[in-house]
Amino acid sequence: MNFTKTKSRKNLKKPDSFAKFLLSFASGVLLSLSFPPLKTGFFATAGFVPLLFLIDRVKNYRELFRYSYIAFFFFNLFTLYWVGGWSKEADPFLMVGCVLLILVHPVLFFLPMWFYMFVKKNVSGKFHLLIFPFVFVLFEYFRSTTELAFPWLTLGNTQTYYLAKIQFIEFTGVYGLSFLILVVNVLFYLSLKKIFEEKKIFSQRSLKYFALGVLIYILPDFYGFYVLKNADEKFFKQMKIGLIQPDINPWLKWEGTLSDQINLYMGMTKKLVAENPDVELVVYPETAITYYFLLSPYRYYFNWFKSEVDSLNVAILTGFPDAKFYDDPSQAPPSSHLIKETGQRYDAFNAMGLFLPKNDKIQKYAKIILVPFGERLPYADTFHFLIEPLQWGVGISSWAKGKDTTIFEMKRKNGDVVKFSGVVCYESIYPSFVRQFVKKGAEFLAVITNDSWYGNTSGPYQHFQYSILRAVENRRSIVRCANGGISGFIDPYGRVQKKTKFHEKTQIADVVKLNSEKTFYTMYGDLLVYISFLVFVFAFVLAVYKKFQNKRDL
């Protein structure tokens, strides 16, 4: 046996493996550097370039899985580290959930990379590069479906600081931004590949691909500059709205009394109204009131709260827990709560309600999209036996799912009726979900949230920036109220009119533009996703056909 030859082969493998690791790591770093709060979203245009070179070098799907996992592990680690909270008060379940998310989530990213390699191995030419943007966009969309959905890392979310560039998503939605970024990645990859093949930096074909990539990336800016230049010439009805940011410790606020909570919020509201007498609506954050104060045991406090609303003569939109009781326990879903003393079952909702002055009708909305594991066990009615062991100790888990999108209506002081909707926290990152409210007639959108669980990390800043995309997609103002920040006002063009600092106790008010016109995206949704699905099916059929054809020819 030739030991010298065997040893030399092992030595050859080491530098090759290290090079593949570096390519994987480079992709993970470039992608993570493109997400808020960093204002370097342009890194996303090269984030997949090392991965595409890596796929040229891997020999099989097992190797592809190993190195793509490394790339997306570091991407998830650097971008989602904040999910664990990582404070002395943080619930251990939150930390465990963060670790599991960072370990498991990268596995899903293997799917589009596997399909890309599958097509590459079986269809000749550059067809695999042509279909890659469509396949990855389709993957991003399906990552936003099911009760396990977590679309936080959608590529289009990287461009929120480039206002001119994102204006075109009124036609395509955020997936249009993702598609744009992926196309540019492919062109930059081809440019570098020509440099390596021809061993010339200023290769004509290399420059052609590079210039085309740059042109495609900046092309939307021209449309965006035109839209922003003419934005202020468009007439919008206006309404002044106030926000209350109490900055309460989220781990302790569930221990406060209802009396203390109402006193705190009403005190800040009175100060806000005194400084801004033309305010017509005041928004409180998610679960601002932590008690089921619509139930009869809390009737005294509810009447007190309502009398303050009447006295101030302003409407208040606030988050609170709500409950639905089932007279017949057999009609209750398996995931419902049980009162052991009476045997009665009920559902608890993470809700919000609109309280109008001198009006006893309460308009309510219950959160529909719940954070997987954090707020509800996915498929809880199927795996209900797992609910009790996974209960959090802070009073926010095992929420029931709301049933319907709500359009709030309020009569203004000038006699006009304004329609708007509210979404709770995590729901604001779902473009196709948010557009349903606007399609039903919402003239502006309120986002109530509590991002203080995660401290002063990247998470709250990312969450705020994503609301900019929802504003542009639907041309709706966003009124965003967070317990500890970041709260603020975003106009229909994604421009931040005013915002608070994180961990700041304050109240602010601003004029909000109202809009009843619907964008192309609002009306027709994610057409690009349907196109991507058709491309995926065609590519899959073609690749399978070519694979069997190649086998027959052997």
Protein backbone atom coordinates (compact mmCIF):
# COMPACT_ATOMS: atom_id res chain seq x y z
CA MET A 1 0.00 0.00 0.00
CA ASN A 2 1.31 3.46 -0.92
CA PHE A 3 1.15 5.40 2.41
CA THR A 4 2.78 8.46 0.87
CA LYS A 5 0.02 8.75 -1.73
CA THR A 6 -2.73 8.30 0.90
CA LYS A 7 -1.17 10.97 3.10
CA SER A 8 -0.93 13.45 0.23
CA ARG A 9 -4.62 12.97 -0.58
CA LYS A 10 -5.53 13.78 3.03
CA ASN A 11 -3.40 16.91 2.90
CA LEU A 12 -5.17 17.96 -0.29
CA LYS A 13 -8.57 17.57 1.36
CA LYS A 14 -7.71 19.84 4.29
CA PRO A 15 -7.15 23.06 2.32
CA ASP A 16 -10.15 22.25 0.12
CA SER A 17 -12.39 21.79 3.17
CA PHE A 18 -11.06 24.99 4.71
CA ALA A 19 -11.75 26.90 1.49
CA LYS A 20 -15.31 25.59 1.46
CA PHE A 21 -15.73 26.58 5.10
CA LEU A 22 -14.49 30.10 4.32
CA LEU A 23 -16.96 30.40 1.44
CA SER A 24 -19.79 29.31 3.74
CA PHE A 25 -18.70 31.62 6.52
CA ALA A 26 -18.34 34.54 4.08
CA SER A 27 -21.94 34.11 2.92
CA GLY A 28 -23.21 33.98 6.48
CA VAL A 29 -21.34 37.15 7.42
CA LEU A 30 -22.32 39.10 4.30
CA LEU A 31 -26.01 38.26 4.76
CA SER A 32 -26.00 39.15 8.45
CA LEU A 33 -24.20 42.45 7.78
CA SER A 34 -27.04 43.46 5.46
CA PHE A 35 -29.81 43.40 8.11
CA PRO A 36 -30.89 46.27 10.37
CA PRO A 37 -29.83 47.98 12.51
CA LEU A 38 -26.79 48.08 10.23
CA LYS A 39 -27.37 50.41 7.31
CA THR A 40 -25.33 48.24 4.96
CA GLY A 41 -28.08 46.46 3.08
CA PHE A 42 -25.97 46.51 -0.08
CA PHE A 43 -24.01 43.54 1.34
CA ALA A 44 -27.06 41.41 0.52
CA THR A 45 -26.25 41.79 -3.19
CA ALA A 46 -23.15 39.62 -2.65
CA GLY A 47 -24.40 37.42 0.18
CA PHE A 48 -25.05 34.40 -2.04
CA VAL A 49 -22.01 34.79 -4.28
CA PRO A 50 -19.68 32.69 -2.06
CA LEU A 51 -22.41 30.03 -1.77
CA LEU A 52 -22.79 29.81 -5.53
CA PHE A 53 -19.03 29.29 -5.85
CA LEU A 54 -19.24 26.71 -3.08
CA ILE A 55 -21.88 24.72 -4.97
CA ASP A 56 -19.49 24.61 -7.95
CA ARG A 57 -17.02 22.80 -5.68
CA VAL A 58 -19.13 20.39 -3.63
CA LYS A 59 -19.35 16.81 -4.85
CA ASN A 60 -22.69 15.63 -3.44
CA TYR A 61 -25.78 16.69 -1.53
CA ARG A 62 -24.34 15.58 1.81
CA GLU A 63 -21.45 17.97 1.37
CA LEU A 64 -23.84 20.68 0.19
CA PHE A 65 -25.92 20.23 3.34
CA ARG A 66 -22.86 20.49 5.56
CA TYR A 67 -21.56 23.73 4.10
CA SER A 68 -24.90 25.41 3.42
CA TYR A 69 -25.79 24.67 7.05
CA ILE A 70 -22.59 26.41 8.15
CA ALA A 71 -23.43 29.47 6.05
CA PHE A 72 -26.99 29.80 7.30
CA PHE A 73 -26.04 28.92 10.86
CA PHE A 74 -23.77 31.95 11.08
CA PHE A 75 -26.37 34.04 9.26
CA ASN A 76 -29.01 33.08 11.83
CA LEU A 77 -26.60 33.39 14.76
CA PHE A 78 -25.46 36.93 13.94
CA THR A 79 -28.93 38.17 12.93
CA LEU A 80 -31.20 36.42 15.45
CA TYR A 81 -29.00 36.21 18.56
CA TRP A 82 -31.39 38.62 20.31
CA VAL A 83 -34.33 36.18 20.39
CA GLY A 84 -33.10 34.70 23.68
CA GLY A 85 -33.52 37.94 25.61
CA TRP A 86 -30.29 37.12 27.47
CA SER A 87 -31.04 39.15 30.59
CA LYS A 88 -31.09 38.00 34.21
CA GLU A 89 -34.89 38.21 34.15
CA ALA A 90 -35.37 36.38 30.85
CA ASP A 91 -37.40 33.19 30.94
CA PRO A 92 -35.16 30.10 30.44
CA PHE A 93 -37.66 28.83 27.85
CA LEU A 94 -36.98 31.96 25.77
CA MET A 95 -33.24 31.24 25.84
CA VAL A 96 -33.72 27.57 24.99
CA GLY A 97 -36.07 28.58 22.15
CA CYS A 98 -33.43 30.94 20.77
CA VAL A 99 -30.76 28.22 20.78
CA LEU A 100 -33.11 25.76 19.06
CA LEU A 101 -34.12 28.40 16.48
CA ILE A 102 -30.50 29.13 15.58
CA LEU A 103 -29.67 25.42 15.39
CA VAL A 104 -32.76 24.21 13.50
CA HIS A 105 -33.76 27.14 11.30
CA PRO A 106 -30.64 26.88 9.03
CA VAL A 107 -31.76 23.39 8.02
CA LEU A 108 -34.71 24.85 6.11
CA PHE A 109 -32.41 26.98 3.97
CA PHE A 110 -30.92 23.80 2.53
CA LEU A 111 -34.12 23.22 0.51
CA PRO A 112 -33.64 25.96 -2.14
CA MET A 113 -29.89 25.22 -2.29
CA TRP A 114 -30.62 21.51 -2.86
CA PHE A 115 -33.04 22.33 -5.65
CA TYR A 116 -30.54 24.71 -7.26
CA MET A 117 -27.87 21.97 -7.24
CA PHE A 118 -30.36 19.37 -8.47
CA VAL A 119 -31.18 21.50 -11.52
CA LYS A 120 -27.49 22.34 -12.04
CA LYS A 121 -26.52 18.66 -12.11
CA ASN A 122 -29.21 17.68 -14.60
CA VAL A 123 -29.82 20.65 -16.91
CA SER A 124 -26.89 22.02 -18.89
CA GLY A 125 -26.04 25.67 -19.42
CA LYS A 126 -26.95 28.52 -17.08
CA PHE A 127 -30.54 27.43 -16.51
CA HIS A 128 -29.86 26.81 -12.82
CA LEU A 129 -28.76 30.42 -12.41
CA LEU A 130 -31.82 31.68 -14.25
CA ILE A 131 -34.25 29.88 -11.94
CA PHE A 132 -32.39 30.51 -8.67
CA PRO A 133 -34.04 33.89 -7.84
CA PHE A 134 -37.50 32.42 -8.47
CA VAL A 135 -36.82 29.33 -6.34
CA PHE A 136 -35.48 31.29 -3.40
CA VAL A 137 -38.37 33.78 -3.47
CA LEU A 138 -40.80 30.85 -3.45
CA PHE A 139 -38.93 29.42 -0.46
CA GLU A 140 -39.19 32.77 1.34
CA TYR A 141 -42.93 32.88 0.77
CA PHE A 142 -43.53 29.34 2.03
CA ARG A 143 -41.41 30.19 5.06
CA SER A 144 -44.17 32.67 5.90
CA THR A 145 -46.91 30.02 5.83
CA THR A 146 -48.02 27.38 8.36
CA GLU A 147 -48.09 27.74 12.15
CA LEU A 148 -44.31 27.19 12.22
CA ALA A 149 -43.68 30.22 10.02
CA PHE A 150 -40.81 32.56 10.78
CA PRO A 151 -40.22 34.98 7.86
CA TRP A 152 -38.00 37.38 9.82
CA LEU A 153 -35.02 36.89 7.50
CA THR A 154 -36.72 37.75 4.21
CA LEU A 155 -33.98 39.23 1.99
CA GLY A 156 -36.05 42.27 1.04
CA ASN A 157 -36.01 43.31 4.71
CA THR A 158 -32.38 44.36 4.25
CA GLN A 159 -33.23 47.42 2.13
CA THR A 160 -35.36 49.45 4.54
CA TYR A 161 -32.83 52.28 4.89
CA TYR A 162 -32.85 52.90 1.12
CA LEU A 163 -36.16 54.71 0.73
CA ALA A 164 -35.85 55.42 -3.00
CA LYS A 165 -35.05 51.80 -3.78
CA ILE A 166 -38.06 50.32 -2.00
CA GLN A 167 -40.79 52.50 -3.54
CA PHE A 168 -41.52 49.99 -6.31
CA ILE A 169 -42.79 47.40 -3.82
CA GLU A 170 -46.19 49.07 -4.07
CA PHE A 171 -46.39 46.75 -7.11
CA THR A 172 -44.47 43.64 -6.03
CA GLY A 173 -44.41 43.58 -2.25
CA VAL A 174 -41.22 42.80 -0.32
CA TYR A 175 -40.58 39.66 -2.40
CA GLY A 176 -39.87 41.94 -5.35
CA LEU A 177 -36.96 43.34 -3.36
CA SER A 178 -35.76 39.82 -2.57
CA PHE A 179 -35.94 38.90 -6.26
CA LEU A 180 -33.97 42.00 -7.22
CA ILE A 181 -31.22 41.16 -4.70
CA LEU A 182 -31.00 37.54 -5.90
CA VAL A 183 -30.71 38.55 -9.56
CA VAL A 184 -27.86 40.90 -8.67
CA ASN A 185 -26.15 38.09 -6.73
CA VAL A 186 -26.26 35.86 -9.80
CA LEU A 187 -24.78 38.59 -12.03
CA PHE A 188 -22.00 39.38 -9.55
CA TYR A 189 -21.23 35.66 -9.33
CA LEU A 190 -20.97 35.44 -13.13
CA SER A 191 -18.74 38.51 -13.17
CA LEU A 192 -16.30 37.00 -10.65
CA LYS A 193 -16.41 33.64 -12.38
CA LYS A 194 -15.31 35.23 -15.67
CA ILE A 195 -12.41 36.91 -13.86
CA PHE A 196 -11.24 33.56 -12.47
CA GLU A 197 -11.73 31.76 -15.79
CA GLU A 198 -10.00 34.37 -17.95
CA LYS A 199 -7.53 35.45 -15.25
CA LYS A 200 -8.18 39.08 -16.15
CA ILE A 201 -9.71 41.66 -13.81
CA PHE A 202 -10.92 43.85 -16.66
CA SER A 203 -12.41 41.09 -18.75
CA GLN A 204 -15.05 42.48 -21.09
CA ARG A 205 -17.60 39.82 -20.18
CA SER A 206 -16.85 40.20 -16.49
CA LEU A 207 -17.40 43.96 -16.64
CA LYS A 208 -20.59 43.40 -18.60
CA TYR A 209 -22.08 41.17 -15.89
CA PHE A 210 -20.90 43.49 -13.13
CA ALA A 211 -22.27 46.61 -14.82
CA LEU A 212 -25.60 44.89 -15.47
CA GLY A 213 -25.81 43.87 -11.80
CA VAL A 214 -25.11 47.41 -10.62
CA LEU A 215 -27.63 48.83 -13.11
CA ILE A 216 -30.38 46.44 -12.00
CA TYR A 217 -29.69 47.26 -8.34
CA ILE A 218 -29.87 51.03 -8.80
CA LEU A 219 -32.63 51.10 -11.43
CA PRO A 220 -35.50 51.15 -8.87
CA ASP A 221 -33.92 54.24 -7.30
CA PHE A 222 -34.85 56.35 -10.30
CA TYR A 223 -38.52 55.47 -9.87
CA GLY A 224 -38.20 55.97 -6.13
CA PHE A 225 -36.63 59.44 -6.44
CA TYR A 226 -39.48 60.46 -8.75
CA VAL A 227 -42.14 59.15 -6.34
CA LEU A 228 -40.56 60.80 -3.29
CA LYS A 229 -40.07 64.09 -5.13
CA ASN A 230 -43.79 64.26 -5.93
CA ALA A 231 -45.04 62.67 -2.70
CA ASP A 232 -45.86 65.89 -0.89
CA GLU A 233 -47.91 67.17 -3.80
CA LYS A 234 -50.51 64.45 -3.25
CA PHE A 235 -53.44 65.45 -1.05
CA PHE A 236 -54.16 63.31 2.00
CA LYS A 237 -56.71 63.81 4.74
CA GLN A 238 -54.95 64.15 8.07
CA MET A 239 -55.58 63.20 11.67
CA LYS A 240 -53.52 63.76 14.82
CA ILE A 241 -52.74 60.65 16.85
CA GLY A 242 -50.85 60.16 20.10
CA LEU A 243 -48.72 57.27 21.35
CA ILE A 244 -47.97 56.22 24.92
CA GLN A 245 -44.63 54.49 25.56
CA PRO A 246 -44.53 53.63 29.31
CA ASP A 247 -41.30 51.57 29.24
CA ILE A 248 -42.49 49.05 31.82
CA ASN A 249 -40.27 46.05 32.56
CA PRO A 250 -42.04 43.30 30.56
CA TRP A 251 -41.05 40.62 33.06
CA LEU A 252 -42.60 42.53 35.97
CA LYS A 253 -45.60 44.28 34.45
CA TRP A 254 -47.80 41.19 34.93
CA GLU A 255 -47.37 41.64 38.68
CA GLY A 256 -48.71 45.23 38.77
CA THR A 257 -52.26 45.98 39.89
CA LEU A 258 -54.93 47.03 37.42
CA SER A 259 -55.37 50.27 39.37
CA ASP A 260 -51.66 51.10 38.94
CA GLN A 261 -51.81 50.36 35.20
CA ILE A 262 -54.85 52.56 34.56
CA ASN A 263 -53.36 55.37 36.66
CA LEU A 264 -50.07 55.22 34.76
CA TYR A 265 -51.59 55.23 31.27
CA MET A 266 -54.26 57.81 32.05
CA GLY A 267 -51.69 60.09 33.66
CA MET A 268 -49.50 59.97 30.53
CA THR A 269 -52.57 60.35 28.30
CA LYS A 270 -53.73 63.48 30.13
CA LYS A 271 -50.28 65.00 29.74
CA LEU A 272 -50.29 64.14 26.03
CA VAL A 273 -53.75 65.64 25.46
CA ALA A 274 -52.84 68.77 27.42
CA GLU A 275 -49.84 69.31 25.13
CA ASN A 276 -51.79 68.30 21.99
CA PRO A 277 -55.47 69.27 22.39
CA ASP A 278 -56.19 68.35 18.75
CA VAL A 279 -55.32 64.66 19.30
CA GLU A 280 -58.30 62.43 18.41
CA LEU A 281 -56.88 58.96 19.07
CA VAL A 282 -54.34 57.71 21.59
CA VAL A 283 -52.66 54.32 21.12
CA TYR A 284 -51.32 52.13 23.94
CA PRO A 285 -48.94 49.17 23.39
CA GLU A 286 -49.56 45.42 23.29
CA THR A 287 -51.09 44.08 26.55
CA ALA A 288 -50.86 47.56 28.07
CA ILE A 289 -53.57 46.29 30.43
CA THR A 290 -52.63 42.83 31.67
CA TYR A 291 -56.01 41.93 33.21
CA TYR A 292 -59.20 40.62 31.59
CA PHE A 293 -60.77 43.93 32.44
CA LEU A 294 -63.83 43.39 30.23
CA LEU A 295 -64.97 40.61 32.55
CA SER A 296 -67.41 41.30 35.40
CA PRO A 297 -64.89 40.94 38.28
CA TYR A 298 -63.11 44.02 36.92
CA ARG A 299 -66.24 46.03 36.12
CA TYR A 300 -65.31 48.80 38.56
CA TYR A 301 -61.95 49.37 36.85
CA PHE A 302 -63.48 49.19 33.39
CA ASN A 303 -66.08 51.84 34.33
CA TRP A 304 -63.31 54.01 35.73
CA PHE A 305 -61.26 53.61 32.53
CA LYS A 306 -64.29 54.37 30.34
CA SER A 307 -65.22 57.47 32.36
CA GLU A 308 -61.69 58.82 31.78
CA VAL A 309 -62.07 58.21 28.04
CA ASP A 310 -65.36 60.13 28.07
CA SER A 311 -63.85 62.96 30.14
CA LEU A 312 -60.82 63.38 27.86
CA ASN A 313 -63.04 63.11 24.76
CA VAL A 314 -60.42 61.10 22.86
CA ALA A 315 -60.58 57.55 21.54
CA ILE A 316 -58.13 55.03 22.97
CA LEU A 317 -56.80 51.92 21.24
CA THR A 318 -55.18 49.58 23.75
CA GLY A 319 -53.88 46.06 23.97
CA PHE A 320 -55.31 43.71 26.63
CA PRO A 321 -56.09 40.01 27.14
CA ASP A 322 -59.60 38.99 26.18
CA ALA A 323 -61.53 35.80 26.87
CA LYS A 324 -64.27 33.72 25.29
CA PHE A 325 -66.12 31.27 27.54
CA TYR A 326 -67.79 28.09 26.31
CA ASP A 327 -71.08 27.12 27.96
CA ASP A 328 -70.75 23.68 26.46
CA PRO A 329 -67.21 22.32 27.12
CA SER A 330 -67.58 19.89 24.23
CA GLN A 331 -67.66 22.87 21.85
CA ALA A 332 -64.32 24.20 23.12
CA PRO A 333 -61.16 23.49 21.11
CA PRO A 334 -58.65 21.10 22.76
CA SER A 335 -56.18 23.96 23.28
CA SER A 336 -58.63 26.00 25.39
CA HIS A 337 -58.02 26.65 29.09
CA LEU A 338 -59.85 24.73 31.79
CA ILE A 339 -61.17 26.19 35.06
CA LYS A 340 -60.75 23.14 37.29
CA GLU A 341 -63.17 24.31 40.00
CA THR A 342 -66.11 24.68 37.59
CA GLY A 343 -65.11 22.56 34.61
CA GLN A 344 -65.74 25.51 32.30
CA ARG A 345 -63.45 26.07 29.37
CA TYR A 346 -62.35 29.35 27.79
CA ASP A 347 -60.00 30.76 25.16
CA ALA A 348 -57.62 33.62 25.96
CA PHE A 349 -56.73 36.10 23.22
CA ASN A 350 -53.93 38.63 22.82
CA ALA A 351 -56.34 41.38 21.83
CA MET A 352 -56.76 45.10 21.29
CA GLY A 353 -59.86 47.24 21.64
CA LEU A 354 -61.04 50.64 20.49
CA PHE A 355 -62.82 52.65 23.20
CA LEU A 356 -64.73 55.66 21.91
CA PRO A 357 -65.83 58.60 24.07
CA LYS A 358 -69.53 58.62 24.92
CA ASN A 359 -70.00 55.32 23.08
CA ASP A 360 -70.52 52.01 24.88
CA LYS A 361 -69.67 49.83 21.88
CA ILE A 362 -66.22 48.23 22.12
CA GLN A 363 -64.59 47.24 18.82
CA LYS A 364 -62.11 44.38 19.29
CA TYR A 365 -59.45 42.50 17.37
CA ALA A 366 -57.72 39.31 18.53
CA LYS A 367 -54.25 38.45 17.28
CA ILE A 368 -54.37 35.85 14.53
CA ILE A 369 -50.71 35.07 13.79
CA LEU A 370 -49.03 33.99 17.01
CA VAL A 371 -45.30 33.55 17.62
CA PRO A 372 -44.53 29.81 17.34
CA PHE A 373 -43.82 28.32 20.78
CA GLY A 374 -43.52 31.78 22.37
CA GLU A 375 -47.24 32.56 22.22
CA ARG A 376 -48.78 29.32 21.09
CA LEU A 377 -47.62 25.79 20.48
CA PRO A 378 -47.85 25.19 16.72
CA TYR A 379 -50.82 22.97 15.90
CA ALA A 380 -51.87 23.18 19.56
CA ASP A 381 -55.27 21.62 18.88
CA THR A 382 -53.50 18.57 17.47
CA PHE A 383 -50.73 18.33 20.07
CA HIS A 384 -52.69 19.78 22.98
CA PHE A 385 -51.15 17.32 25.45
CA LEU A 386 -47.89 19.27 25.16
CA ILE A 387 -49.37 22.64 26.14
CA GLU A 388 -49.15 22.41 29.94
CA PRO A 389 -45.45 21.42 30.08
CA LEU A 390 -44.59 24.35 27.79
CA GLN A 391 -46.45 27.07 29.71
CA TRP A 392 -44.40 30.18 30.33
CA GLY A 393 -44.29 31.71 33.78
CA VAL A 394 -45.00 35.25 32.57
CA GLY A 395 -48.63 34.90 31.59
CA ILE A 396 -48.38 35.23 27.83
CA SER A 397 -48.30 31.73 26.38
CA SER A 398 -51.09 29.53 25.01
CA TRP A 399 -53.05 32.33 23.40
CA ALA A 400 -55.90 31.28 21.15
CA LYS A 401 -55.92 32.37 17.51
CA GLY A 402 -58.19 35.24 16.51
CA LYS A 403 -60.74 34.57 13.82
CA ASP A 404 -61.09 37.69 11.66
CA THR A 405 -59.37 40.83 10.46
CA THR A 406 -61.05 43.87 12.02
CA ILE A 407 -61.67 47.31 10.57
CA PHE A 408 -62.07 49.83 13.37
CA GLU A 409 -64.34 52.80 12.74
CA MET A 410 -64.47 56.07 14.63
CA LYS A 411 -66.32 59.32 14.07
CA ARG A 412 -63.97 62.26 14.11
CA LYS A 413 -64.63 65.68 15.65
CA ASN A 414 -65.23 67.11 12.16
CA GLY A 415 -67.93 64.49 11.50
CA ASP A 416 -65.86 62.32 9.14
CA VAL A 417 -65.66 58.60 9.75
CA VAL A 418 -62.16 57.14 9.64
CA LYS A 419 -61.44 53.43 9.18
CA PHE A 420 -58.23 51.81 10.35
CA SER A 421 -56.84 48.49 11.52
CA GLY A 422 -54.39 47.29 14.10
CA VAL A 423 -52.00 44.35 14.08
CA VAL A 424 -50.21 42.96 17.10
CA CYS A 425 -46.42 42.71 17.18
CA TYR A 426 -45.21 39.73 15.12
CA GLU A 427 -48.08 40.05 12.63
CA SER A 428 -46.49 43.18 11.16
CA ILE A 429 -43.76 41.16 9.40
CA TYR A 430 -46.31 39.32 7.22
CA PRO A 431 -46.91 41.37 4.05
CA SER A 432 -49.75 39.29 2.61
CA PHE A 433 -51.53 39.30 5.98
CA VAL A 434 -51.25 43.06 6.53
CA ARG A 435 -52.53 43.84 3.03
CA GLN A 436 -55.82 42.10 3.88
CA PHE A 437 -56.66 44.88 6.34
CA VAL A 438 -55.95 47.57 3.77
CA LYS A 439 -57.90 45.71 1.11
CA LYS A 440 -60.91 45.75 3.47
CA GLY A 441 -60.73 49.53 3.81
CA ALA A 442 -58.17 50.53 6.48
CA GLU A 443 -56.99 54.11 5.88
CA PHE A 444 -54.00 53.75 8.21
CA LEU A 445 -52.50 50.94 10.28
CA ALA A 446 -51.58 50.71 13.95
CA VAL A 447 -48.92 48.29 15.14
CA ILE A 448 -48.91 47.63 18.88
CA THR A 449 -46.05 45.62 20.29
CA ASN A 450 -43.85 44.83 23.26
CA ASP A 451 -40.26 44.41 22.06
CA SER A 452 -38.78 45.04 25.51
CA TRP A 453 -38.42 41.29 26.08
CA TYR A 454 -35.26 41.47 23.99
CA GLY A 455 -33.57 44.49 25.55
CA ASN A 456 -31.56 47.02 23.57
CA THR A 457 -30.50 44.49 20.90
CA SER A 458 -30.96 44.29 17.14
CA GLY A 459 -34.47 42.83 17.43
CA PRO A 460 -36.51 45.97 18.25
CA TYR A 461 -34.67 47.96 15.58
CA GLN A 462 -35.26 45.29 12.95
CA HIS A 463 -38.93 45.10 13.90
CA PHE A 464 -39.39 48.86 13.57
CA GLN A 465 -37.68 48.94 10.16
CA TYR A 466 -39.91 46.18 8.77
CA SER A 467 -42.96 48.41 9.33
CA ILE A 468 -41.50 50.76 6.74
CA LEU A 469 -42.03 48.06 4.10
CA ARG A 470 -45.68 47.57 5.11
CA ALA A 471 -46.22 51.33 4.74
CA VAL A 472 -44.79 51.45 1.22
CA GLU A 473 -46.45 48.23 0.01
CA ASN A 474 -49.89 49.56 0.84
CA ARG A 475 -49.24 53.36 0.85
CA ARG A 476 -50.58 53.54 4.38
CA SER A 477 -49.30 55.47 7.36
CA ILE A 478 -48.09 53.27 10.20
CA VAL A 479 -48.69 54.27 13.79
CA ARG A 480 -46.36 52.10 15.86
CA CYS A 481 -46.66 51.90 19.63
CA ALA A 482 -44.22 49.78 21.65
CA ASN A 483 -44.02 49.33 25.41
CA GLY A 484 -40.34 50.29 25.67
CA GLY A 485 -39.72 51.34 22.07
CA ILE A 486 -39.29 51.83 19.32
CA SER A 487 -42.54 53.76 18.78
CA GLY A 488 -43.13 56.19 15.96
CA PHE A 489 -44.97 57.46 12.93
CA ILE A 490 -44.20 56.32 9.37
CA ASP A 491 -45.83 57.98 6.37
CA PRO A 492 -47.18 56.16 3.25
CA TYR A 493 -43.76 56.49 1.58
CA GLY A 494 -41.85 54.86 4.39
CA ARG A 495 -40.48 58.12 5.76
CA VAL A 496 -40.15 58.13 9.55
CA GLN A 497 -41.86 61.32 10.71
CA LYS A 498 -41.08 60.90 14.39
CA LYS A 499 -39.84 58.10 16.63
CA THR A 500 -38.85 57.43 20.23
CA LYS A 501 -35.65 56.07 21.70
CA PHE A 502 -35.48 52.58 23.13
CA HIS A 503 -36.07 52.34 26.90
CA GLU A 504 -37.62 55.80 27.03
CA LYS A 505 -40.74 56.64 29.00
CA THR A 506 -42.55 59.19 26.88
CA GLN A 507 -45.67 60.21 25.00
CA ILE A 508 -45.59 61.65 21.50
CA ALA A 509 -48.12 62.85 18.92
CA ASP A 510 -48.02 63.58 15.21
CA VAL A 511 -50.25 64.18 12.21
CA VAL A 512 -51.02 61.01 10.26
CA LYS A 513 -51.91 60.93 6.56
CA LEU A 514 -55.09 58.99 5.73
CA ASN A 515 -55.37 57.17 2.42
CA SER A 516 -58.21 55.18 0.88
CA GLU A 517 -56.58 54.37 -2.49
CA LYS A 518 -55.29 50.85 -2.96
CA THR A 519 -51.93 49.96 -4.48
CA PHE A 520 -51.40 47.27 -7.11
CA TYR A 521 -49.88 45.07 -4.40
CA THR A 522 -52.81 45.62 -2.06
CA MET A 523 -55.25 44.61 -4.78
CA TYR A 524 -53.42 41.66 -6.31
CA GLY A 525 -50.94 40.46 -3.72
CA ASP A 526 -47.82 38.39 -4.34
CA LEU A 527 -48.10 37.71 -8.07
CA LEU A 528 -44.34 37.19 -8.18
CA VAL A 529 -44.77 34.20 -5.88
CA TYR A 530 -47.25 32.59 -8.30
CA ILE A 531 -44.85 33.18 -11.19
CA SER A 532 -42.05 31.67 -9.09
CA PHE A 533 -44.16 28.61 -8.40
CA LEU A 534 -44.74 28.07 -12.13
CA VAL A 535 -40.99 28.45 -12.79
CA PHE A 536 -40.27 25.99 -9.99
CA VAL A 537 -42.65 23.38 -11.41
CA PHE A 538 -41.24 23.80 -14.91
CA ALA A 539 -37.65 23.54 -13.66
CA PHE A 540 -38.44 20.47 -11.57
CA VAL A 541 -40.15 18.64 -14.44
CA LEU A 542 -37.34 19.57 -16.83
CA ALA A 543 -34.62 18.47 -14.40
CA VAL A 544 -36.33 15.12 -13.71
CA TYR A 545 -36.82 14.54 -17.44
CA LYS A 546 -33.16 15.35 -18.16
CA LYS A 547 -32.02 13.11 -15.34
CA PHE A 548 -33.84 10.07 -16.74
CA GLN A 549 -32.79 10.96 -20.27
CA ASN A 550 -29.15 11.09 -19.20
CA LYS A 551 -29.50 7.69 -17.50
CA ARG A 552 -30.90 6.17 -20.70
CA ASP A 553 -28.02 7.56 -22.72
CA LEU A 554 -25.42 5.93 -20.48
